[in-house]
Amino acid sequence: MKTAAIPAVRVSPELRQAAEAVLQTGETLSGFVEDAVRRNVEFRYAQKVFIERGLVSGAAARKSGKYVSAVAVLGKLTRRLDKARKLHVGRTGRTGGKAAA
């Protein structure tokens, strides 16, 4: 497949310097910008799909009249979080609190 160019972007000298300052060994500014564009495209696509699923789900709930209460959802999420915390403590032996300075 042929490559395509992305239009040049004008940025402040400070932003360019900040981008250059975080480049990893062997990484080019062009490669950094390409990676940033690729990640943003992937994020936006995932965001779009998520919103579409939510809209479809909302329409289905309105049509059926069946809803899940916020209390039920939060309760389930709390139980999942508690379980994940217990598994984390079991693996690390730490409680997940703040580390000592």
N, C-alpha and C. Protein backbone atom coordinates (compact mmCIF):
# COMPACT_ATOMS: atom_id res chain seq x y z
N MET A 1 0.85 -1.17 0.00
CA MET A 1 0.00 0.00 0.00
C MET A 1 0.89 1.24 0.00
N LYS A 2 0.48 2.22 -0.76
CA LYS A 2 1.22 3.48 -0.80
C LYS A 2 1.02 4.24 0.50
N THR A 3 2.01 5.02 0.85
CA THR A 3 1.86 5.86 2.04
C THR A 3 1.26 7.20 1.62
N ALA A 4 0.68 7.88 2.59
CA ALA A 4 0.09 9.19 2.35
C ALA A 4 0.66 10.15 3.36
N ALA A 5 0.74 11.41 2.99
CA ALA A 5 1.26 12.43 3.88
C ALA A 5 0.14 13.05 4.69
N ILE A 6 0.44 13.38 5.92
CA ILE A 6 -0.48 14.14 6.77
C ILE A 6 -0.02 15.58 6.71
N PRO A 7 -0.94 16.51 6.63
CA PRO A 7 -0.54 17.92 6.52
C PRO A 7 0.37 18.35 7.67
N ALA A 8 1.29 19.24 7.37
CA ALA A 8 2.18 19.80 8.38
C ALA A 8 1.34 20.53 9.42
N VAL A 9 1.79 20.46 10.64
CA VAL A 9 1.06 21.10 11.74
C VAL A 9 1.95 22.16 12.36
N ARG A 10 1.41 23.35 12.48
CA ARG A 10 2.15 24.44 13.11
C ARG A 10 1.94 24.34 14.61
N VAL A 11 3.02 24.33 15.37
CA VAL A 11 2.94 24.28 16.83
C VAL A 11 3.89 25.33 17.40
N SER A 12 3.69 25.62 18.66
CA SER A 12 4.58 26.57 19.32
C SER A 12 5.96 25.94 19.50
N PRO A 13 6.97 26.77 19.57
CA PRO A 13 8.32 26.22 19.80
C PRO A 13 8.39 25.42 21.10
N GLU A 14 7.62 25.82 22.10
CA GLU A 14 7.62 25.11 23.38
C GLU A 14 7.08 23.70 23.23
N LEU A 15 6.00 23.54 22.43
CA LEU A 15 5.44 22.20 22.23
C LEU A 15 6.41 21.33 21.45
N ARG A 16 7.04 21.88 20.45
CA ARG A 16 8.03 21.10 19.68
C ARG A 16 9.17 20.66 20.60
N GLN A 17 9.67 21.57 21.43
CA GLN A 17 10.76 21.22 22.35
C GLN A 17 10.30 20.14 23.34
N ALA A 18 9.09 20.26 23.82
CA ALA A 18 8.57 19.25 24.76
C ALA A 18 8.47 17.89 24.08
N ALA A 19 8.01 17.86 22.84
CA ALA A 19 7.92 16.60 22.10
C ALA A 19 9.31 16.01 21.87
N GLU A 20 10.24 16.83 21.48
CA GLU A 20 11.61 16.35 21.25
C GLU A 20 12.25 15.86 22.54
N ALA A 21 11.89 16.46 23.66
CA ALA A 21 12.47 16.09 24.94
C ALA A 21 12.04 14.69 25.40
N VAL A 22 10.90 14.23 24.92
CA VAL A 22 10.41 12.91 25.37
C VAL A 22 10.64 11.81 24.34
N LEU A 23 11.30 12.11 23.25
CA LEU A 23 11.60 11.09 22.26
C LEU A 23 12.50 10.02 22.87
N GLN A 24 12.21 8.77 22.53
CA GLN A 24 13.05 7.69 23.02
C GLN A 24 14.23 7.51 22.07
N THR A 25 15.23 6.77 22.52
CA THR A 25 16.43 6.55 21.73
C THR A 25 16.06 5.98 20.36
N GLY A 26 16.53 6.64 19.32
CA GLY A 26 16.28 6.18 17.95
C GLY A 26 14.94 6.61 17.38
N GLU A 27 14.10 7.22 18.19
CA GLU A 27 12.77 7.65 17.74
C GLU A 27 12.88 9.01 17.07
N THR A 28 12.16 9.18 15.98
CA THR A 28 12.14 10.45 15.27
C THR A 28 10.87 11.22 15.64
N LEU A 29 10.91 12.51 15.41
CA LEU A 29 9.72 13.32 15.65
C LEU A 29 8.60 12.88 14.73
N SER A 30 8.92 12.53 13.49
CA SER A 30 7.90 12.04 12.56
C SER A 30 7.26 10.75 13.07
N GLY A 31 8.08 9.85 13.58
CA GLY A 31 7.57 8.60 14.13
C GLY A 31 6.69 8.84 15.35
N PHE A 32 7.10 9.80 16.17
CA PHE A 32 6.33 10.17 17.36
C PHE A 32 4.97 10.70 16.95
N VAL A 33 4.95 11.59 15.96
CA VAL A 33 3.68 12.18 15.50
C VAL A 33 2.80 11.10 14.87
N GLU A 34 3.40 10.20 14.08
CA GLU A 34 2.63 9.12 13.47
C GLU A 34 1.99 8.24 14.54
N ASP A 35 2.75 7.91 15.58
CA ASP A 35 2.23 7.10 16.68
C ASP A 35 1.08 7.82 17.38
N ALA A 36 1.24 9.13 17.61
CA ALA A 36 0.20 9.90 18.27
C ALA A 36 -1.09 9.93 17.44
N VAL A 37 -0.95 10.10 16.13
CA VAL A 37 -2.12 10.11 15.25
C VAL A 37 -2.78 8.74 15.26
N ARG A 38 -1.99 7.68 15.15
CA ARG A 38 -2.53 6.32 15.14
C ARG A 38 -3.29 6.03 16.44
N ARG A 39 -2.71 6.36 17.57
CA ARG A 39 -3.37 6.11 18.86
C ARG A 39 -4.67 6.92 18.98
N ASN A 40 -4.65 8.15 18.52
CA ASN A 40 -5.84 8.98 18.61
C ASN A 40 -6.94 8.46 17.70
N VAL A 41 -6.58 7.98 16.52
CA VAL A 41 -7.57 7.39 15.61
C VAL A 41 -8.18 6.15 16.26
N GLU A 42 -7.35 5.29 16.84
CA GLU A 42 -7.86 4.09 17.51
C GLU A 42 -8.78 4.45 18.67
N PHE A 43 -8.38 5.45 19.46
CA PHE A 43 -9.21 5.89 20.58
C PHE A 43 -10.55 6.42 20.11
N ARG A 44 -10.51 7.27 19.08
CA ARG A 44 -11.76 7.86 18.58
C ARG A 44 -12.69 6.79 18.01
N TYR A 45 -12.11 5.78 17.34
CA TYR A 45 -12.93 4.70 16.80
C TYR A 45 -13.57 3.93 17.95
N ALA A 46 -12.80 3.58 18.96
CA ALA A 46 -13.34 2.86 20.12
C ALA A 46 -14.42 3.69 20.81
N GLN A 47 -14.19 4.98 20.92
CA GLN A 47 -15.17 5.88 21.53
C GLN A 47 -16.47 5.89 20.73
N LYS A 48 -16.35 5.96 19.41
CA LYS A 48 -17.52 5.97 18.53
C LYS A 48 -18.32 4.68 18.68
N VAL A 49 -17.63 3.55 18.69
CA VAL A 49 -18.30 2.25 18.82
C VAL A 49 -18.98 2.15 20.19
N PHE A 50 -18.30 2.63 21.24
CA PHE A 50 -18.87 2.60 22.58
C PHE A 50 -20.16 3.41 22.64
N ILE A 51 -20.14 4.61 22.07
CA ILE A 51 -21.33 5.47 22.08
C ILE A 51 -22.46 4.82 21.28
N GLU A 52 -22.12 4.23 20.14
CA GLU A 52 -23.14 3.56 19.33
C GLU A 52 -23.79 2.41 20.10
N ARG A 53 -22.96 1.61 20.81
CA ARG A 53 -23.52 0.51 21.61
C ARG A 53 -24.44 1.04 22.69
N GLY A 54 -24.03 2.15 23.33
CA GLY A 54 -24.84 2.75 24.38
C GLY A 54 -26.18 3.25 23.85
N LEU A 55 -26.15 3.86 22.68
CA LEU A 55 -27.40 4.35 22.08
C LEU A 55 -28.33 3.20 21.72
N VAL A 56 -27.78 2.13 21.17
CA VAL A 56 -28.58 0.95 20.83
C VAL A 56 -29.17 0.34 22.10
N SER A 57 -28.34 0.23 23.14
CA SER A 57 -28.80 -0.33 24.40
C SER A 57 -29.91 0.53 25.02
N GLY A 58 -29.73 1.85 24.97
CA GLY A 58 -30.75 2.75 25.50
C GLY A 58 -32.07 2.62 24.75
N ALA A 59 -31.98 2.52 23.43
CA ALA A 59 -33.20 2.35 22.62
C ALA A 59 -33.89 1.04 22.96
N ALA A 60 -33.10 -0.02 23.13
CA ALA A 60 -33.68 -1.33 23.48
C ALA A 60 -34.35 -1.28 24.85
N ALA A 61 -33.75 -0.58 25.80
CA ALA A 61 -34.34 -0.46 27.13
C ALA A 61 -35.64 0.32 27.08
N ARG A 62 -35.64 1.41 26.31
CA ARG A 62 -36.87 2.20 26.19
C ARG A 62 -37.98 1.37 25.54
N LYS A 63 -37.61 0.59 24.53
CA LYS A 63 -38.60 -0.22 23.82
C LYS A 63 -39.18 -1.31 24.71
N SER A 64 -38.30 -1.97 25.48
CA SER A 64 -38.75 -3.08 26.32
C SER A 64 -39.30 -2.62 27.66
N GLY A 65 -38.88 -1.42 28.07
CA GLY A 65 -39.30 -0.93 29.38
C GLY A 65 -38.50 -1.54 30.52
N LYS A 66 -37.48 -2.32 30.20
CA LYS A 66 -36.66 -2.98 31.23
C LYS A 66 -35.37 -2.19 31.42
N TYR A 67 -35.17 -1.74 32.64
CA TYR A 67 -34.00 -0.96 32.98
C TYR A 67 -33.30 -1.60 34.18
N VAL A 68 -32.02 -1.31 34.33
CA VAL A 68 -31.26 -1.73 35.51
C VAL A 68 -31.00 -0.47 36.31
N SER A 69 -31.32 -0.51 37.59
CA SER A 69 -31.17 0.69 38.41
C SER A 69 -29.69 1.02 38.62
N ALA A 70 -29.43 2.29 38.87
CA ALA A 70 -28.06 2.72 39.15
C ALA A 70 -27.54 2.04 40.41
N VAL A 71 -28.40 1.84 41.39
CA VAL A 71 -28.00 1.18 42.64
C VAL A 71 -27.51 -0.24 42.35
N ALA A 72 -28.22 -0.96 41.49
CA ALA A 72 -27.82 -2.33 41.14
C ALA A 72 -26.49 -2.34 40.40
N VAL A 73 -26.32 -1.42 39.47
CA VAL A 73 -25.08 -1.35 38.70
C VAL A 73 -23.91 -1.01 39.62
N LEU A 74 -24.08 -0.01 40.47
CA LEU A 74 -23.02 0.38 41.39
C LEU A 74 -22.69 -0.74 42.37
N GLY A 75 -23.70 -1.47 42.82
CA GLY A 75 -23.47 -2.60 43.72
C GLY A 75 -22.63 -3.68 43.05
N LYS A 76 -22.95 -3.99 41.81
CA LYS A 76 -22.18 -5.00 41.08
C LYS A 76 -20.75 -4.53 40.85
N LEU A 77 -20.58 -3.27 40.48
CA LEU A 77 -19.24 -2.74 40.27
C LEU A 77 -18.43 -2.74 41.57
N THR A 78 -19.07 -2.43 42.67
CA THR A 78 -18.39 -2.44 43.97
C THR A 78 -17.92 -3.85 44.31
N ARG A 79 -18.77 -4.85 44.09
CA ARG A 79 -18.38 -6.23 44.36
C ARG A 79 -17.21 -6.66 43.48
N ARG A 80 -17.24 -6.26 42.21
CA ARG A 80 -16.13 -6.59 41.31
C ARG A 80 -14.83 -5.92 41.76
N LEU A 81 -14.93 -4.68 42.17
CA LEU A 81 -13.76 -3.96 42.65
C LEU A 81 -13.20 -4.59 43.92
N ASP A 82 -14.08 -4.95 44.85
CA ASP A 82 -13.63 -5.61 46.08
C ASP A 82 -12.93 -6.93 45.78
N LYS A 83 -13.48 -7.69 44.85
CA LYS A 83 -12.87 -8.97 44.47
C LYS A 83 -11.49 -8.73 43.84
N ALA A 84 -11.39 -7.75 42.96
CA ALA A 84 -10.11 -7.44 42.32
C ALA A 84 -9.08 -6.98 43.35
N ARG A 85 -9.51 -6.20 44.32
CA ARG A 85 -8.60 -5.75 45.37
C ARG A 85 -8.09 -6.93 46.19
N LYS A 86 -8.98 -7.87 46.52
CA LYS A 86 -8.57 -9.05 47.29
C LYS A 86 -7.57 -9.88 46.50
N LEU A 87 -7.79 -10.04 45.21
CA LEU A 87 -6.85 -10.79 44.38
C LEU A 87 -5.51 -10.09 44.33
N HIS A 88 -5.53 -8.77 44.24
CA HIS A 88 -4.29 -7.99 44.18
C HIS A 88 -3.51 -8.15 45.48
N VAL A 89 -4.20 -8.07 46.60
CA VAL A 89 -3.54 -8.22 47.91
C VAL A 89 -2.95 -9.62 48.02
N GLY A 90 -3.68 -10.61 47.56
CA GLY A 90 -3.19 -11.99 47.61
C GLY A 90 -1.93 -12.18 46.80
N ARG A 91 -1.82 -11.51 45.68
CA ARG A 91 -0.65 -11.65 44.81
C ARG A 91 0.55 -10.86 45.32
N THR A 92 0.29 -9.69 45.86
CA THR A 92 1.40 -8.80 46.23
C THR A 92 1.68 -8.78 47.72
N GLY A 93 0.72 -9.19 48.52
CA GLY A 93 0.89 -9.10 49.96
C GLY A 93 0.72 -7.70 50.48
N ARG A 94 0.37 -6.76 49.57
CA ARG A 94 0.15 -5.36 49.98
C ARG A 94 -1.32 -5.06 49.96
N THR A 95 -1.69 -4.07 50.72
CA THR A 95 -3.10 -3.70 50.80
C THR A 95 -3.53 -2.71 49.74
N GLY A 96 -2.59 -2.23 48.95
CA GLY A 96 -2.95 -1.28 47.91
C GLY A 96 -2.99 0.15 48.38
N GLY A 97 -2.55 0.37 49.62
CA GLY A 97 -2.51 1.74 50.16
C GLY A 97 -1.35 2.51 49.55
N LYS A 98 -1.20 3.73 50.00
CA LYS A 98 -0.12 4.58 49.48
C LYS A 98 1.23 4.07 49.98
N ALA A 99 2.20 4.17 49.11
CA ALA A 99 3.55 3.74 49.46
C ALA A 99 4.18 4.76 50.41
N ALA A 100 5.05 4.27 51.27
CA ALA A 100 5.74 5.16 52.18
C ALA A 100 6.73 6.03 51.42
N ALA A 101 6.85 7.27 51.81
CA ALA A 101 7.74 8.20 51.11
C ALA A 101 9.17 8.03 51.56
